Structure formats: structure tokens, C-alpha cells
Amino acid sequence: MELQNTIKNLRTNMGLSQEQLADAVYVTRQTVSSWENGVYFQKGD
């Protein structure tokens, strides 16, 4: 199983929205969405 599937499966099994997971790990909902879509890089300045 790929990481993005693992993240989404764990989140949904726990009954969490992307927003709730984001709040729990101090990131934005867009970051969680990116993780679930297989985008893992962090943009730097």
C-alpha cells in the first residue's frame, strides 16, 4: 500500500475529516490533501 492510501485509510477509519487531521498535526487542510494525492515535497523560498 502506498503512503497516500495509508494516510487516507487511517484518517477515514478514525472518522476524521482532512481539516480535523490537519488541525491535529498542525498543517493546513491543503497539505493533507496533497499527502493523500501523493505530493510530499515542501516548497522552499
PDB file of N, CA and C in Angstrom:
ATOM      1  N   MET A   1       0.844  -1.176   0.000  1.00  0.00           N
ATOM      2  CA  MET A   1       0.000   0.000   0.000  1.00  0.00           C
ATOM      3  C   MET A   1       0.894   1.246   0.000  1.00  0.00           C
ATOM      4  N   GLU A   2       0.548   2.198  -0.830  1.00  0.00           N
ATOM      5  CA  GLU A   2       1.322   3.425  -0.921  1.00  0.00           C
ATOM      6  C   GLU A   2       0.975   4.361   0.233  1.00  0.00           C
ATOM      7  N   LEU A   3       1.902   5.249   0.528  1.00  0.00           N
ATOM      8  CA  LEU A   3       1.743   6.147   1.671  1.00  0.00           C
ATOM      9  C   LEU A   3       0.456   6.954   1.598  1.00  0.00           C
ATOM     10  N   GLN A   4       0.116   7.490   0.418  1.00  0.00           N
ATOM     11  CA  GLN A   4      -1.095   8.313   0.332  1.00  0.00           C
ATOM     12  C   GLN A   4      -2.343   7.509   0.661  1.00  0.00           C
ATOM     13  N   ASN A   5      -2.371   6.242   0.268  1.00  0.00           N
ATOM     14  CA  ASN A   5      -3.518   5.391   0.601  1.00  0.00           C
ATOM     15  C   ASN A   5      -3.563   5.088   2.092  1.00  0.00           C
ATOM     16  N   THR A   6      -2.400   4.885   2.691  1.00  0.00           N
ATOM     17  CA  THR A   6      -2.327   4.623   4.122  1.00  0.00           C
ATOM     18  C   THR A   6      -2.847   5.821   4.919  1.00  0.00           C
ATOM     19  N   ILE A   7      -2.414   7.009   4.534  1.00  0.00           N
ATOM     20  CA  ILE A   7      -2.860   8.223   5.235  1.00  0.00           C
ATOM     21  C   ILE A   7      -4.372   8.354   5.143  1.00  0.00           C
ATOM     22  N   LYS A   8      -4.907   8.226   3.931  1.00  0.00           N
ATOM     23  CA  LYS A   8      -6.343   8.392   3.750  1.00  0.00           C
ATOM     24  C   LYS A   8      -7.129   7.308   4.480  1.00  0.00           C
ATOM     25  N   ASN A   9      -6.666   6.054   4.391  1.00  0.00           N
ATOM     26  CA  ASN A   9      -7.366   4.961   5.069  1.00  0.00           C
ATOM     27  C   ASN A   9      -7.382   5.152   6.580  1.00  0.00           C
ATOM     28  N   LEU A  10      -6.253   5.514   7.160  1.00  0.00           N
ATOM     29  CA  LEU A  10      -6.201   5.731   8.605  1.00  0.00           C
ATOM     30  C   LEU A  10      -7.107   6.885   9.011  1.00  0.00           C
ATOM     31  N   ARG A  11      -7.074   7.969   8.230  1.00  0.00           N
ATOM     32  CA  ARG A  11      -7.902   9.138   8.532  1.00  0.00           C
ATOM     33  C   ARG A  11      -9.388   8.782   8.483  1.00  0.00           C
ATOM     34  N   THR A  12      -9.800   8.112   7.426  1.00  0.00           N
ATOM     35  CA  THR A  12     -11.219   7.791   7.288  1.00  0.00           C
ATOM     36  C   THR A  12     -11.653   6.735   8.303  1.00  0.00           C
ATOM     37  N   ASN A  13     -10.792   5.785   8.609  1.00  0.00           N
ATOM     38  CA  ASN A  13     -11.124   4.777   9.627  1.00  0.00           C
ATOM     39  C   ASN A  13     -11.310   5.402  11.001  1.00  0.00           C
ATOM     40  N   MET A  14     -10.611   6.502  11.251  1.00  0.00           N
ATOM     41  CA  MET A  14     -10.746   7.206  12.522  1.00  0.00           C
ATOM     42  C   MET A  14     -11.908   8.193  12.496  1.00  0.00           C
ATOM     43  N   GLY A  15     -12.549   8.323  11.354  1.00  0.00           N
ATOM     44  CA  GLY A  15     -13.696   9.216  11.239  1.00  0.00           C
ATOM     45  C   GLY A  15     -13.323  10.684  11.215  1.00  0.00           C
ATOM     46  N   LEU A  16     -12.122  10.993  10.741  1.00  0.00           N
ATOM     47  CA  LEU A  16     -11.654  12.377  10.715  1.00  0.00           C
ATOM     48  C   LEU A  16     -11.785  12.969   9.320  1.00  0.00           C
ATOM     49  N   SER A  17     -12.084  14.250   9.281  1.00  0.00           N
ATOM     50  CA  SER A  17     -12.039  14.979   8.018  1.00  0.00           C
ATOM     51  C   SER A  17     -10.586  15.396   7.768  1.00  0.00           C
ATOM     52  N   GLN A  18     -10.322  15.845   6.557  1.00  0.00           N
ATOM     53  CA  GLN A  18      -8.982  16.354   6.274  1.00  0.00           C
ATOM     54  C   GLN A  18      -8.672  17.540   7.185  1.00  0.00           C
ATOM     55  N   GLU A  19      -9.664  18.372   7.430  1.00  0.00           N
ATOM     56  CA  GLU A  19      -9.486  19.550   8.297  1.00  0.00           C
ATOM     57  C   GLU A  19      -9.140  19.126   9.730  1.00  0.00           C
ATOM     58  N   GLN A  20      -9.818  18.113  10.238  1.00  0.00           N
ATOM     59  CA  GLN A  20      -9.557  17.647  11.604  1.00  0.00           C
ATOM     60  C   GLN A  20      -8.159  17.058  11.727  1.00  0.00           C
ATOM     61  N   LEU A  21      -7.748  16.275  10.738  1.00  0.00           N
ATOM     62  CA  LEU A  21      -6.395  15.711  10.761  1.00  0.00           C
ATOM     63  C   LEU A  21      -5.365  16.827  10.670  1.00  0.00           C
ATOM     64  N   ALA A  22      -5.613  17.780   9.795  1.00  0.00           N
ATOM     65  CA  ALA A  22      -4.689  18.911   9.644  1.00  0.00           C
ATOM     66  C   ALA A  22      -4.515  19.658  10.960  1.00  0.00           C
ATOM     67  N   ASP A  23      -5.610  19.922  11.647  1.00  0.00           N
ATOM     68  CA  ASP A  23      -5.537  20.604  12.936  1.00  0.00           C
ATOM     69  C   ASP A  23      -4.741  19.786  13.948  1.00  0.00           C
ATOM     70  N   ALA A  24      -4.923  18.475  13.926  1.00  0.00           N
ATOM     71  CA  ALA A  24      -4.248  17.594  14.893  1.00  0.00           C
ATOM     72  C   ALA A  24      -2.739  17.559  14.690  1.00  0.00           C
ATOM     73  N   VAL A  25      -2.284  17.719  13.441  1.00  0.00           N
ATOM     74  CA  VAL A  25      -0.841  17.633  13.168  1.00  0.00           C
ATOM     75  C   VAL A  25      -0.243  18.984  12.753  1.00  0.00           C
ATOM     76  N   TYR A  26      -1.020  20.076  12.984  1.00  0.00           N
ATOM     77  CA  TYR A  26      -0.536  21.439  12.785  1.00  0.00           C
ATOM     78  C   TYR A  26      -0.089  21.735  11.350  1.00  0.00           C
ATOM     79  N   VAL A  27      -0.910  21.302  10.386  1.00  0.00           N
ATOM     80  CA  VAL A  27      -0.701  21.658   8.988  1.00  0.00           C
ATOM     81  C   VAL A  27      -2.033  22.140   8.422  1.00  0.00           C
ATOM     82  N   THR A  28      -2.037  22.569   7.177  1.00  0.00           N
ATOM     83  CA  THR A  28      -3.279  23.016   6.554  1.00  0.00           C
ATOM     84  C   THR A  28      -4.022  21.826   5.941  1.00  0.00           C
ATOM     85  N   ARG A  29      -5.306  22.035   5.677  1.00  0.00           N
ATOM     86  CA  ARG A  29      -6.100  21.010   5.015  1.00  0.00           C
ATOM     87  C   ARG A  29      -5.526  20.727   3.629  1.00  0.00           C
ATOM     88  N   GLN A  30      -4.994  21.751   2.983  1.00  0.00           N
ATOM     89  CA  GLN A  30      -4.406  21.574   1.661  1.00  0.00           C
ATOM     90  C   GLN A  30      -3.185  20.655   1.708  1.00  0.00           C
ATOM     91  N   THR A  31      -2.431  20.715   2.805  1.00  0.00           N
ATOM     92  CA  THR A  31      -1.279  19.829   2.966  1.00  0.00           C
ATOM     93  C   THR A  31      -1.737  18.384   3.079  1.00  0.00           C
ATOM     94  N   VAL A  32      -2.768  18.131   3.869  1.00  0.00           N
ATOM     95  CA  VAL A  32      -3.308  16.773   3.997  1.00  0.00           C
ATOM     96  C   VAL A  32      -3.801  16.286   2.638  1.00  0.00           C
ATOM     97  N   SER A  33      -4.489  17.138   1.921  1.00  0.00           N
ATOM     98  CA  SER A  33      -4.965  16.784   0.586  1.00  0.00           C
ATOM     99  C   SER A  33      -3.802  16.420  -0.329  1.00  0.00           C
ATOM    100  N   SER A  34      -2.737  17.199  -0.268  1.00  0.00           N
ATOM    101  CA  SER A  34      -1.550  16.910  -1.077  1.00  0.00           C
ATOM    102  C   SER A  34      -0.962  15.559  -0.712  1.00  0.00           C
ATOM    103  N   TRP A  35      -0.862  15.274   0.583  1.00  0.00           N
ATOM    104  CA  TRP A  35      -0.338  13.974   1.014  1.00  0.00           C
ATOM    105  C   TRP A  35      -1.177  12.847   0.439  1.00  0.00           C
ATOM    106  N   GLU A  36      -2.498  13.014   0.495  1.00  0.00           N
ATOM    107  CA  GLU A  36      -3.401  11.959   0.015  1.00  0.00           C
ATOM    108  C   GLU A  36      -3.379  11.832  -1.507  1.00  0.00           C
ATOM    109  N   ASN A  37      -2.825  12.831  -2.187  1.00  0.00           N
ATOM    110  CA  ASN A  37      -2.675  12.782  -3.639  1.00  0.00           C
ATOM    111  C   ASN A  37      -1.252  12.463  -4.070  1.00  0.00           C
ATOM    112  N   GLY A  38      -0.409  12.097  -3.105  1.00  0.00           N
ATOM    113  CA  GLY A  38       0.943  11.664  -3.415  1.00  0.00           C
ATOM    114  C   GLY A  38       1.948  12.771  -3.602  1.00  0.00           C
ATOM    115  N   VAL A  39       1.636  13.981  -3.138  1.00  0.00           N
ATOM    116  CA  VAL A  39       2.563  15.108  -3.235  1.00  0.00           C
ATOM    117  C   VAL A  39       3.172  15.304  -1.851  1.00  0.00           C
ATOM    118  N   TYR A  40       4.492  15.087  -1.739  1.00  0.00           N
ATOM    119  CA  TYR A  40       5.126  15.091  -0.425  1.00  0.00           C
ATOM    120  C   TYR A  40       6.184  16.165  -0.257  1.00  0.00           C
ATOM    121  N   PHE A  41       6.518  16.889  -1.300  1.00  0.00           N
ATOM    122  CA  PHE A  41       7.604  17.860  -1.192  1.00  0.00           C
ATOM    123  C   PHE A  41       7.145  19.131  -0.510  1.00  0.00           C
ATOM    124  N   GLN A  42       8.100  19.818   0.088  1.00  0.00           N
ATOM    125  CA  GLN A  42       7.816  21.085   0.752  1.00  0.00           C
ATOM    126  C   GLN A  42       8.455  22.188  -0.076  1.00  0.00           C
ATOM    127  N   LYS A  43       7.680  23.195  -0.407  1.00  0.00           N
ATOM    128  CA  LYS A  43       8.213  24.309  -1.189  1.00  0.00           C
ATOM    129  C   LYS A  43       9.083  25.176  -0.279  1.00  0.00           C
ATOM    130  N   GLY A  44      10.239  25.527  -0.768  1.00  0.00           N
ATOM    131  CA  GLY A  44      11.137  26.400  -0.024  1.00  0.00           C
ATOM    132  C   GLY A  44      11.233  27.759  -0.696  1.00  0.00           C
ATOM    133  N   ASP A  45      11.762  28.704   0.042  1.00  0.00           N
ATOM    134  CA  ASP A  45      11.929  30.052  -0.523  1.00  0.00           C
ATOM    135  C   ASP A  45      13.251  30.174  -1.233  1.00  0.00           C
TER     136      ASP A  45
END
